[in-house]
C-alpha atoms as a PDB file:
ATOM      1  CA  MET A   1     145.489  71.385 -21.999  1.00  0.00           C
ATOM      2  CA  GLY A   2     144.474  68.714 -24.500  1.00  0.00           C
ATOM      3  CA  HIS A   3     146.516  70.055 -27.371  1.00  0.00           C
ATOM      4  CA  GLN A   4     148.717  67.941 -29.669  1.00  0.00           C
ATOM      5  CA  PRO A   5     152.128  69.889 -29.747  1.00  0.00           C
ATOM      6  CA  ILE A   6     154.574  69.428 -32.645  1.00  0.00           C
ATOM      7  CA  THR A   7     158.003  71.121 -32.974  1.00  0.00           C
ATOM      8  CA  ILE A   8     159.039  72.494 -36.322  1.00  0.00           C
ATOM      9  CA  ASP A   9     162.385  70.689 -36.905  1.00  0.00           C
ATOM     10  CA  TYR A  10     164.327  73.511 -38.514  1.00  0.00           C
ATOM     11  CA  LEU A  11     167.966  72.996 -39.508  1.00  0.00           C
ATOM     12  CA  TYR A  12     169.804  76.068 -40.826  1.00  0.00           C
ATOM     13  CA  GLN A  13     171.970  75.211 -43.874  1.00  0.00           C
ATOM     14  CA  THR A  14     174.275  77.643 -45.685  1.00  0.00           C
ATOM     15  CA  THR A  15     174.831  77.483 -49.415  1.00  0.00           C
ATOM     16  CA  TYR A  16     178.365  77.997 -50.740  1.00  0.00           C
ATOM     17  CA  LYS A  17     177.050  81.218 -52.518  1.00  0.00           C
ATOM     18  CA  ASN A  18     175.622  82.547 -49.327  1.00  0.00           C
ATOM     19  CA  PHE A  19     178.606  81.636 -47.401  1.00  0.00           C
ATOM     20  CA  CYS A  20     180.965  83.506 -49.732  1.00  0.00           C
ATOM     21  CA  GLU A  21     178.670  86.580 -49.925  1.00  0.00           C
ATOM     22  CA  ASN A  22     178.602  86.698 -46.113  1.00  0.00           C
ATOM     23  CA  LEU A  23     182.410  86.510 -45.859  1.00  0.00           C
ATOM     24  CA  LEU A  24     182.838  89.404 -48.283  1.00  0.00           C
ATOM     25  CA  LYS A  25     180.169  91.414 -46.608  1.00  0.00           C
ATOM     26  CA  VAL A  26     181.497  91.144 -43.100  1.00  0.00           C
ATOM     27  CA  SER A  27     185.024  91.685 -44.360  1.00  0.00           C
ATOM     28  CA  ALA A  28     184.107  94.994 -46.060  1.00  0.00           C
ATOM     29  CA  LEU A  29     182.027  96.253 -43.149  1.00  0.00           C
ATOM     30  CA  ARG A  30     184.771  95.620 -40.600  1.00  0.00           C
ATOM     31  CA  LEU A  31     187.330  97.418 -42.811  1.00  0.00           C
ATOM     32  CA  MET A  32     184.885 100.353 -42.698  1.00  0.00           C
ATOM     33  CA  GLY A  33     184.752 100.136 -38.962  1.00  0.00           C
ATOM     34  CA  ARG A  34     181.116  99.146 -38.858  1.00  0.00           C
ATOM     35  CA  PRO A  35     179.995  96.122 -36.772  1.00  0.00           C
ATOM     36  CA  PHE A  36     177.786  93.855 -38.650  1.00  0.00           C
ATOM     37  CA  TYR A  37     176.656  90.368 -37.675  1.00  0.00           C
ATOM     38  CA  VAL A  38     176.255  87.827 -40.435  1.00  0.00           C
ATOM     39  CA  ASN A  39     176.830  84.109 -40.555  1.00  0.00           C
ATOM     40  CA  THR A  40     180.379  83.277 -41.363  1.00  0.00           C
ATOM     41  CA  LYS A  41     180.291  79.544 -40.736  1.00  0.00           C
ATOM     42  CA  PHE A  42     179.436  76.945 -43.418  1.00  0.00           C
ATOM     43  CA  VAL A  43     176.839  74.696 -41.811  1.00  0.00           C
ATOM     44  CA  ARG A  44     176.263  71.258 -43.292  1.00  0.00           C
ATOM     45  CA  ASN A  45     173.184  69.160 -42.879  1.00  0.00           C
ATOM     46  CA  ARG A  46     174.376  67.219 -39.834  1.00  0.00           C
ATOM     47  CA  ARG A  47     173.692  67.114 -36.170  1.00  0.00           C
ATOM     48  CA  ASN A  48     175.209  65.293 -33.094  1.00  0.00           C
ATOM     49  CA  ALA A  49     173.751  61.932 -33.485  1.00  0.00           C
ATOM     50  CA  LYS A  50     173.099  61.280 -29.713  1.00  0.00           C
ATOM     51  CA  PHE A  51     171.402  64.534 -29.378  1.00  0.00           C
ATOM     52  CA  ASP A  52     169.265  63.917 -32.398  1.00  0.00           C
ATOM     53  CA  ALA A  53     168.297  60.500 -31.109  1.00  0.00           C
ATOM     54  CA  PHE A  54     167.257  61.949 -27.698  1.00  0.00           C
ATOM     55  CA  VAL A  55     165.039  64.628 -29.470  1.00  0.00           C
ATOM     56  CA  THR A  56     163.498  62.111 -31.669  1.00  0.00           C
ATOM     57  CA  GLU A  57     162.629  59.852 -28.769  1.00  0.00           C
ATOM     58  CA  ASN A  58     161.159  62.627 -26.509  1.00  0.00           C
ATOM     59  CA  ILE A  59     159.787  65.352 -28.760  1.00  0.00           C
ATOM     60  CA  VAL A  60     157.142  65.108 -31.410  1.00  0.00           C
ATOM     61  CA  LYS A  61     158.460  67.005 -34.392  1.00  0.00           C
ATOM     62  CA  THR A  62     158.214  67.518 -38.110  1.00  0.00           C
ATOM     63  CA  PRO A  63     160.705  66.104 -40.578  1.00  0.00           C
ATOM     64  CA  VAL A  64     163.730  68.239 -41.029  1.00  0.00           C
ATOM     65  CA  VAL A  65     163.061  71.417 -42.956  1.00  0.00           C
ATOM     66  CA  HIS A  66     165.419  74.172 -44.066  1.00  0.00           C
ATOM     67  CA  SER A  67     162.860  76.906 -44.146  1.00  0.00           C
ATOM     68  CA  TYR A  68     159.786  78.189 -42.382  1.00  0.00           C
ATOM     69  CA  SER A  69     156.754  78.393 -44.566  1.00  0.00           C
ATOM     70  CA  PRO A  70     152.863  78.836 -44.394  1.00  0.00           C
ATOM     71  CA  SER A  71     152.518  75.522 -46.211  1.00  0.00           C
ATOM     72  CA  LEU A  72     154.055  73.732 -43.283  1.00  0.00           C
ATOM     73  CA  LEU A  73     151.472  75.189 -40.927  1.00  0.00           C
ATOM     74  CA  LYS A  74     148.740  74.115 -43.323  1.00  0.00           C
ATOM     75  CA  LYS A  75     150.127  70.598 -43.727  1.00  0.00           C
ATOM     76  CA  TYR A  76     149.929  69.899 -39.988  1.00  0.00           C
ATOM     77  CA  ASP A  77     146.745  71.876 -39.424  1.00  0.00           C
ATOM     78  CA  ILE A  78     148.441  74.223 -36.912  1.00  0.00           C
ATOM     79  CA  ASP A  79     146.184  76.369 -34.773  1.00  0.00           C
ATOM     80  CA  ALA A  80     148.890  78.203 -32.700  1.00  0.00           C
ATOM     81  CA  VAL A  81     152.614  78.888 -33.018  1.00  0.00           C
ATOM     82  CA  ILE A  82     154.829  79.405 -30.027  1.00  0.00           C
ATOM     83  CA  VAL A  83     158.211  80.890 -30.437  1.00  0.00           C
ATOM     84  CA  GLY A  84     160.718  80.776 -27.566  1.00  0.00           C
ATOM     85  CA  SER A  85     162.974  80.943 -25.620  1.00  0.00           C
ATOM     86  CA  ASP A  86     166.770  80.887 -25.305  1.00  0.00           C
ATOM     87  CA  GLN A  87     167.935  84.086 -26.964  1.00  0.00           C
ATOM     88  CA  VAL A  88     165.659  83.659 -30.050  1.00  0.00           C
ATOM     89  CA  TRP A  89     165.407  87.427 -30.320  1.00  0.00           C
ATOM     90  CA  LYS A  90     169.055  88.109 -29.999  1.00  0.00           C
ATOM     91  CA  PRO A  91     170.008  89.430 -33.501  1.00  0.00           C
ATOM     92  CA  ARG A  92     173.610  88.355 -33.634  1.00  0.00           C
ATOM     93  CA  TYR A  93     172.519  84.660 -32.905  1.00  0.00           C
ATOM     94  CA  ASN A  94     169.662  84.673 -35.391  1.00  0.00           C
ATOM     95  CA  TYR A  95     170.811  87.121 -38.030  1.00  0.00           C
ATOM     96  CA  GLU A  96     169.704  85.034 -41.017  1.00  0.00           C
ATOM     97  CA  THR A  97     166.273  84.010 -39.491  1.00  0.00           C
ATOM     98  CA  LEU A  98     165.289  86.936 -37.294  1.00  0.00           C
ATOM     99  CA  PRO A  99     162.051  87.690 -39.185  1.00  0.00           C
ATOM    100  CA  GLU A 100     161.114  84.080 -38.681  1.00  0.00           C
ATOM    101  CA  MET A 101     161.715  84.346 -34.991  1.00  0.00           C
ATOM    102  CA  PHE A 102     159.014  87.001 -35.094  1.00  0.00           C
ATOM    103  CA  LEU A 103     156.779  84.524 -36.885  1.00  0.00           C
ATOM    104  CA  SER A 104     156.857  86.259 -40.286  1.00  0.00           C
ATOM    105  CA  PHE A 105     155.826  82.970 -41.924  1.00  0.00           C
ATOM    106  CA  VAL A 106     152.491  82.922 -40.147  1.00  0.00           C
ATOM    107  CA  LYS A 107     150.209  84.549 -42.676  1.00  0.00           C
ATOM    108  CA  SER A 108     146.790  83.374 -41.437  1.00  0.00           C
ATOM    109  CA  SER A 109     144.997  85.714 -38.917  1.00  0.00           C
ATOM    110  CA  SER A 110     143.249  82.616 -37.644  1.00  0.00           C
ATOM    111  CA  ILE A 111     146.513  81.149 -36.197  1.00  0.00           C
ATOM    112  CA  LEU A 112     147.499  82.213 -32.623  1.00  0.00           C
ATOM    113  CA  ARG A 113     151.052  83.790 -32.390  1.00  0.00           C
ATOM    114  CA  VAL A 114     152.497  83.432 -28.940  1.00  0.00           C
ATOM    115  CA  GLY A 115     155.986  84.322 -27.607  1.00  0.00           C
ATOM    116  CA  TYR A 116     156.903  82.273 -24.535  1.00  0.00           C
ATOM    117  CA  ALA A 117     159.936  83.383 -22.389  1.00  0.00           C
ATOM    118  CA  VAL A 118     161.592  84.920 -25.504  1.00  0.00           C
ATOM    119  CA  SER A 119     165.034  86.263 -24.637  1.00  0.00           C
ATOM    120  CA  PHE A 120     167.241  88.989 -26.051  1.00  0.00           C
ATOM    121  CA  GLY A 121     170.129  87.730 -23.855  1.00  0.00           C
ATOM    122  CA  SER A 122     171.148  91.302 -23.006  1.00  0.00           C
ATOM    123  CA  ASN A 123     169.848  94.305 -21.187  1.00  0.00           C
ATOM    124  CA  GLN A 124     170.970  96.493 -24.201  1.00  0.00           C
ATOM    125  CA  TRP A 125     169.072  96.969 -27.435  1.00  0.00           C
ATOM    126  CA  GLU A 126     171.196  95.426 -30.124  1.00  0.00           C
ATOM    127  CA  TYR A 127     168.917  95.763 -33.138  1.00  0.00           C
ATOM    128  CA  SER A 128     169.607  98.057 -36.123  1.00  0.00           C
ATOM    129  CA  GLU A 129     166.875 100.626 -37.195  1.00  0.00           C
ATOM    130  CA  GLU A 130     165.765  98.304 -39.943  1.00  0.00           C
ATOM    131  CA  GLN A 131     165.603  95.207 -37.641  1.00  0.00           C
ATOM    132  CA  THR A 132     163.618  97.364 -35.034  1.00  0.00           C
ATOM    133  CA  GLN A 133     161.013  98.428 -37.538  1.00  0.00           C
ATOM    134  CA  MET A 134     160.593  94.836 -38.776  1.00  0.00           C
ATOM    135  CA  ALA A 135     160.270  93.537 -35.225  1.00  0.00           C
ATOM    136  CA  ARG A 136     157.733  96.279 -34.254  1.00  0.00           C
ATOM    137  CA  GLN A 137     155.576  95.470 -37.202  1.00  0.00           C
ATOM    138  CA  LEU A 138     155.617  91.694 -36.739  1.00  0.00           C
ATOM    139  CA  VAL A 139     155.213  91.629 -32.920  1.00  0.00           C
ATOM    140  CA  SER A 140     152.047  93.850 -33.234  1.00  0.00           C
ATOM    141  CA  CYS A 141     150.414  90.753 -34.729  1.00  0.00           C
ATOM    142  CA  PHE A 142     151.146  88.653 -31.701  1.00  0.00           C
ATOM    143  CA  ASP A 143     148.253  87.393 -29.511  1.00  0.00           C
ATOM    144  CA  ALA A 144     150.447  87.149 -26.402  1.00  0.00           C
ATOM    145  CA  VAL A 145     154.082  87.801 -25.583  1.00  0.00           C
ATOM    146  CA  SER A 146     156.174  86.880 -22.518  1.00  0.00           C
ATOM    147  CA  VAL A 147     159.914  87.283 -21.861  1.00  0.00           C
ATOM    148  CA  ARG A 148     162.420  85.487 -19.824  1.00  0.00           C
ATOM    149  CA  GLU A 149     164.341  88.348 -18.328  1.00  0.00           C
ATOM    150  CA  THR A 150     162.922  91.305 -16.337  1.00  0.00           C
ATOM    151  CA  ASP A 151     165.185  93.649 -18.401  1.00  0.00           C
ATOM    152  CA  ALA A 152     163.486  92.537 -21.511  1.00  0.00           C
ATOM    153  CA  VAL A 153     160.146  93.973 -20.345  1.00  0.00           C
ATOM    154  CA  ASN A 154     161.709  97.437 -20.590  1.00  0.00           C
ATOM    155  CA  LEU A 155     163.453  96.651 -23.882  1.00  0.00           C
ATOM    156  CA  CYS A 156     160.018  95.630 -25.361  1.00  0.00           C
ATOM    157  CA  GLU A 157     158.152  98.679 -23.979  1.00  0.00           C
ATOM    158  CA  LYS A 158     160.849 101.074 -25.242  1.00  0.00           C
ATOM    159  CA  ASN A 159     161.636  99.673 -28.646  1.00  0.00           C
ATOM    160  CA  LEU A 160     158.646  97.382 -29.740  1.00  0.00           C
ATOM    161  CA  GLY A 161     155.824  99.306 -28.129  1.00  0.00           C
ATOM    162  CA  ILE A 162     154.437  96.258 -26.221  1.00  0.00           C
ATOM    163  CA  THR A 163     154.352  95.311 -22.588  1.00  0.00           C
ATOM    164  CA  PRO A 164     155.121  91.544 -22.295  1.00  0.00           C
ATOM    165  CA  GLU A 165     154.727  89.431 -19.110  1.00  0.00           C
ATOM    166  CA  ASP A 166     157.734  88.134 -17.211  1.00  0.00           C
ATOM    167  CA  VAL A 167     157.854  84.341 -16.998  1.00  0.00           C
ATOM    168  CA  LEU A 168     160.228  81.440 -16.307  1.00  0.00           C
ATOM    169  CA  ASP A 169     162.573  79.646 -18.748  1.00  0.00           C
ATOM    170  CA  PRO A 170     160.499  76.626 -19.980  1.00  0.00           C
ATOM    171  CA  THR A 171     162.897  74.145 -18.461  1.00  0.00           C
ATOM    172  CA  LEU A 172     161.712  75.374 -15.043  1.00  0.00           C
ATOM    173  CA  LEU A 173     158.002  74.816 -15.767  1.00  0.00           C
ATOM    174  CA  ILE A 174     158.284  71.216 -14.667  1.00  0.00           C
ATOM    175  CA  GLY A 175     159.900  69.807 -11.545  1.00  0.00           C
ATOM    176  CA  CYS A 176     162.865  67.555 -10.853  1.00  0.00           C
ATOM    177  CA  GLU A 177     160.840  64.409 -11.070  1.00  0.00           C
ATOM    178  CA  TYR A 178     160.522  64.599 -14.845  1.00  0.00           C
ATOM    179  CA  TYR A 179     164.282  65.144 -15.399  1.00  0.00           C
ATOM    180  CA  GLU A 180     165.045  62.361 -13.069  1.00  0.00           C
ATOM    181  CA  SER A 181     162.857  60.055 -15.170  1.00  0.00           C
ATOM    182  CA  LEU A 182     165.036  60.910 -18.202  1.00  0.00           C
ATOM    183  CA  CYS A 183     168.179  59.702 -16.476  1.00  0.00           C
ATOM    184  CA  ARG A 184     166.742  56.979 -14.224  1.00  0.00           C
ATOM    185  CA  ASN A 185     168.470  54.336 -16.351  1.00  0.00           C
ATOM    186  CA  VAL A 186     171.830  55.949 -15.884  1.00  0.00           C
ATOM    187  CA  GLY A 187     173.634  54.634 -12.867  1.00  0.00           C
ATOM    188  CA  ARG A 188     176.241  56.676 -10.980  1.00  0.00           C
ATOM    189  CA  ILE A 189     179.089  57.359 -13.316  1.00  0.00           C
ATOM    190  CA  HIS A 190     181.311  58.713 -10.678  1.00  0.00           C
ATOM    191  CA  HIS A 191     181.158  57.217  -7.176  1.00  0.00           C
ATOM    192  CA  GLY A 192     181.496  59.210  -4.033  1.00  0.00           C
ATOM    193  CA  ASP A 193     180.963  62.881  -3.553  1.00  0.00           C
ATOM    194  CA  TYR A 194     182.338  65.211  -6.346  1.00  0.00           C
ATOM    195  CA  LEU A 195     182.235  68.727  -7.636  1.00  0.00           C
ATOM    196  CA  PHE A 196     180.780  68.982 -11.251  1.00  0.00           C
ATOM    197  CA  ALA A 197     182.513  71.646 -13.382  1.00  0.00           C
ATOM    198  CA  TYR A 198     180.237  72.444 -16.319  1.00  0.00           C
ATOM    199  CA  LEU A 199     182.037  75.312 -18.075  1.00  0.00           C
ATOM    200  CA  LEU A 200     181.211  76.579 -21.676  1.00  0.00           C
ATOM    201  CA  ASP A 201     184.182  78.991 -21.724  1.00  0.00           C
ATOM    202  CA  ALA A 202     186.808  77.270 -19.633  1.00  0.00           C
ATOM    203  CA  ASP A 203     189.555  79.833 -19.530  1.00  0.00           C
ATOM    204  CA  ASP A 204     192.397  79.661 -16.981  1.00  0.00           C
ATOM    205  CA  SER A 205     190.706  81.909 -14.424  1.00  0.00           C
ATOM    206  CA  LYS A 206     187.577  79.831 -14.274  1.00  0.00           C
ATOM    207  CA  LYS A 207     189.576  76.642 -14.021  1.00  0.00           C
ATOM    208  CA  SER A 208     191.586  78.159 -11.238  1.00  0.00           C
ATOM    209  CA  GLU A 209     188.416  79.137  -9.369  1.00  0.00           C
ATOM    210  CA  VAL A 210     186.998  75.506  -9.793  1.00  0.00           C
ATOM    211  CA  ARG A 211     190.213  74.149  -8.230  1.00  0.00           C
ATOM    212  CA  ARG A 212     190.065  76.639  -5.343  1.00  0.00           C
ATOM    213  CA  ILE A 213     186.528  75.670  -4.556  1.00  0.00           C
ATOM    214  CA  SER A 214     187.340  72.011  -4.869  1.00  0.00           C
ATOM    215  CA  LYS A 215     190.237  72.295  -2.399  1.00  0.00           C
ATOM    216  CA  ASN A 216     188.031  74.316   0.009  1.00  0.00           C
ATOM    217  CA  LEU A 217     185.276  71.714  -0.011  1.00  0.00           C
ATOM    218  CA  HIS A 218     187.509  68.718  -0.269  1.00  0.00           C
ATOM    219  CA  LEU A 219     185.843  67.419  -3.331  1.00  0.00           C
ATOM    220  CA  PRO A 220     187.400  65.876  -6.395  1.00  0.00           C
ATOM    221  CA  VAL A 221     186.489  67.617  -9.643  1.00  0.00           C
ATOM    222  CA  VAL A 222     184.521  65.999 -12.452  1.00  0.00           C
ATOM    223  CA  TRP A 223     184.998  68.128 -15.546  1.00  0.00           C
ATOM    224  CA  TRP A 224     182.287  67.896 -18.387  1.00  0.00           C
ATOM    225  CA  ASP A 225     184.175  67.206 -21.673  1.00  0.00           C
ATOM    226  CA  GLY A 226     181.218  67.603 -23.991  1.00  0.00           C
ATOM    227  CA  GLY A 227     180.859  63.738 -24.633  1.00  0.00           C
ATOM    228  CA  GLY A 228     178.236  61.442 -23.569  1.00  0.00           C
ATOM    229  CA  THR A 229     174.457  61.612 -23.828  1.00  0.00           C
ATOM    230  CA  ILE A 230     171.833  64.010 -22.466  1.00  0.00           C
ATOM    231  CA  PRO A 231     170.701  61.568 -19.757  1.00  0.00           C
ATOM    232  CA  GLN A 232     174.338  61.138 -18.737  1.00  0.00           C
ATOM    233  CA  TRP A 233     174.683  65.029 -18.629  1.00  0.00           C
ATOM    234  CA  LEU A 234     171.618  65.190 -16.457  1.00  0.00           C
ATOM    235  CA  SER A 235     172.938  62.511 -14.163  1.00  0.00           C
ATOM    236  CA  HIS A 236     176.114  64.575 -13.393  1.00  0.00           C
ATOM    237  CA  PHE A 237     173.866  67.271 -11.889  1.00  0.00           C
ATOM    238  CA  ARG A 238     171.659  64.742 -10.106  1.00  0.00           C
ATOM    239  CA  ASP A 239     174.727  62.796  -8.382  1.00  0.00           C
ATOM    240  CA  SER A 240     176.974  65.876  -7.777  1.00  0.00           C
ATOM    241  CA  SER A 241     177.600  67.306  -4.307  1.00  0.00           C
ATOM    242  CA  TYR A 242     178.339  70.796  -5.776  1.00  0.00           C
ATOM    243  CA  VAL A 243     178.319  72.397  -9.148  1.00  0.00           C
ATOM    244  CA  VAL A 244     180.426  75.213 -10.655  1.00  0.00           C
ATOM    245  CA  THR A 245     179.222  76.503 -14.023  1.00  0.00           C
ATOM    246  CA  ASP A 246     179.260  79.532 -16.315  1.00  0.00           C
ATOM    247  CA  SER A 247     176.275  78.176 -18.213  1.00  0.00           C
ATOM    248  CA  PHE A 248     172.658  79.536 -17.860  1.00  0.00           C
ATOM    249  CA  HIS A 249     171.189  76.092 -18.186  1.00  0.00           C
ATOM    250  CA  GLY A 250     173.879  74.678 -16.024  1.00  0.00           C
ATOM    251  CA  THR A 251     172.630  77.114 -13.407  1.00  0.00           C
ATOM    252  CA  VAL A 252     169.059  76.055 -14.141  1.00  0.00           C
ATOM    253  CA  PHE A 253     169.653  72.445 -13.641  1.00  0.00           C
ATOM    254  CA  SER A 254     171.626  72.968 -10.495  1.00  0.00           C
ATOM    255  CA  ILE A 255     168.498  74.690  -9.177  1.00  0.00           C
ATOM    256  CA  ILE A 256     166.173  72.006 -10.427  1.00  0.00           C
ATOM    257  CA  PHE A 257     168.204  69.144  -8.909  1.00  0.00           C
ATOM    258  CA  GLU A 258     168.657  71.385  -5.744  1.00  0.00           C
ATOM    259  CA  ARG A 259     172.472  71.147  -5.858  1.00  0.00           C
ATOM    260  CA  PRO A 260     174.551  73.840  -4.091  1.00  0.00           C
ATOM    261  CA  TYR A 261     176.366  75.695  -6.852  1.00  0.00           C
ATOM    262  CA  MET A 262     178.410  78.594  -7.846  1.00  0.00           C
ATOM    263  CA  SER A 263     177.375  80.467 -11.064  1.00  0.00           C
ATOM    264  CA  LEU A 264     180.441  82.206 -12.766  1.00  0.00           C
ATOM    265  CA  GLY A 265     179.590  85.370 -14.602  1.00  0.00           C
ATOM    266  CA  ASN A 266     179.370  85.044 -18.461  1.00  0.00           C
ATOM    267  CA  GLU A 267     179.006  88.545 -19.848  1.00  0.00           C
ATOM    268  CA  GLY A 268     179.711  87.477 -23.380  1.00  0.00           C
ATOM    269  CA  ARG A 269     176.812  85.105 -23.489  1.00  0.00           C
ATOM    270  CA  GLY A 270     174.407  87.402 -21.754  1.00  0.00           C
ATOM    271  CA  GLN A 271     174.548  88.272 -17.954  1.00  0.00           C
ATOM    272  CA  SER A 272     171.007  89.759 -17.768  1.00  0.00           C
ATOM    273  CA  ARG A 273     169.476  86.258 -17.918  1.00  0.00           C
ATOM    274  CA  PHE A 274     171.381  85.034 -14.936  1.00  0.00           C
ATOM    275  CA  GLU A 275     170.387  87.931 -12.749  1.00  0.00           C
ATOM    276  CA  SER A 276     166.650  87.462 -13.592  1.00  0.00           C
ATOM    277  CA  LEU A 277     167.070  83.610 -12.925  1.00  0.00           C
ATOM    278  CA  PHE A 278     168.625  84.263  -9.527  1.00  0.00           C
ATOM    279  CA  HIS A 279     165.598  86.547  -8.621  1.00  0.00           C
ATOM    280  CA  LYS A 280     163.017  84.067  -9.646  1.00  0.00           C
ATOM    281  CA  SER A 281     164.625  80.986  -8.166  1.00  0.00           C
ATOM    282  CA  ALA A 282     163.905  82.402  -4.691  1.00  0.00           C
ATOM    283  CA  GLN A 283     160.110  82.138  -5.343  1.00  0.00           C
ATOM    284  CA  LEU A 284     160.064  79.163  -7.845  1.00  0.00           C
ATOM    285  CA  ASP A 285     156.539  77.897  -7.105  1.00  0.00           C
ATOM    286  CA  PHE A 286     155.076  81.488  -7.492  1.00  0.00           C
ATOM    287  CA  TRP A 287     156.805  81.914 -10.906  1.00  0.00           C
ATOM    288  CA  ARG A 288     155.783  78.417 -12.050  1.00  0.00           C
ATOM    289  CA  GLU A 289     152.102  79.233 -11.448  1.00  0.00           C
ATOM    290  CA  ARG A 290     152.371  82.656 -13.114  1.00  0.00           C
ATOM    291  CA  SER A 291     154.177  81.198 -16.130  1.00  0.00           C
ATOM    292  CA  ARG A 292     151.716  78.345 -16.596  1.00  0.00           C
ATOM    293  CA  SER A 293     148.838  80.747 -16.252  1.00  0.00           C
ATOM    294  CA  PHE A 294     150.282  82.845 -19.046  1.00  0.00           C
ATOM    295  CA  LEU A 295     150.267  79.761 -21.334  1.00  0.00           C
ATOM    296  CA  VAL A 296     146.722  78.814 -20.381  1.00  0.00           C
ATOM    297  CA  ARG A 297     145.488  82.262 -21.155  1.00  0.00           C
ATOM    298  CA  ALA A 298     147.550  82.675 -24.389  1.00  0.00           C
ATOM    299  CA  LEU A 299     146.258  79.322 -25.814  1.00  0.00           C
ATOM    300  CA  CYS A 300     142.587  79.536 -24.915  1.00  0.00           C
END
C-alpha cells in the first residue's frame, strides 16, 4: 500500500521491586482463594540470539524499548498503530501491559488505531470488571477492529460493545513462496521421508500418539528439540511427509506448506483458535481476500 511499516521492539523487563511485590500479591490472593494473574517471573534484558538476529534481518523495528509512549510515536512520525495478533488480548498473558495492548499510549486523535486479528485465546471472558471497563473505554477509540477467532466476535459484542470483523492470523496472509524463500538456503537436514513432531507440551500421552502414528505410517520421527534457527524450523515443515503438533502455529505452517498433519488438542493454550483455524483453512483464498480487504479499508 506504499506505507513504511515499523515494529515497536518492546521488551518487558521486571524490576526486583516489582518482582517481589508480585510474588507477595499472588501468594496472598491464592491464600484467600482468589485467582489473580500477575507476573511471577524475573525477566532480564536478554533474548534468544538466533531469533533476535532473524528479526533484525527481516523486520524493520525501533531500538529496544521497555515502555510504550506517545513520544515514541512522535519520534517516528507514526500515522497508524496496529495491535495484533496472537493472544494479545488474553489478560493472563499480558497482565502488566494489557492497557497498552488496547493502545492506551496513543494519545493523538489523528493517529489511526487498528486491531488486526487480535485474539483472546479463549471462548470465555477472562477479564475482571476493572479490566473490562478499561478495555471498553479504550477500544471505543479504535478506527477498526478485527479478531482471529469466530468466538471472539461474540466476546467483543457482549463485553466490549463492538462488532469486529473475523479475519486470518497474519501468518496466513501470504503464501508458501515467501516462507520457502526464508529457508531456501537450508538444505534437507533429515534425508528421506519422516514425521515431524512439533510439541509445545510433550507429555507421555502425546508422545505415545506420535509413536502410534509413526508406526501406522511407517515413518521415522524427527522431534523438534527447540534448537536451531527459524529457517531450520521452517525447513522441517517444508521437508516433512507428515506433521503432528499441539501448537497453533505448528498447525498453521502445516497448512501453509500443505503437509498432511494431525493437530492435538491444547486446551490450556486456547482451543478456540484451533477450531476457527480449521474452519477457515477450508476456504483459504476467500479468507485471505477478506482479511487483506479489512487492512486496506482500515488504513485508507
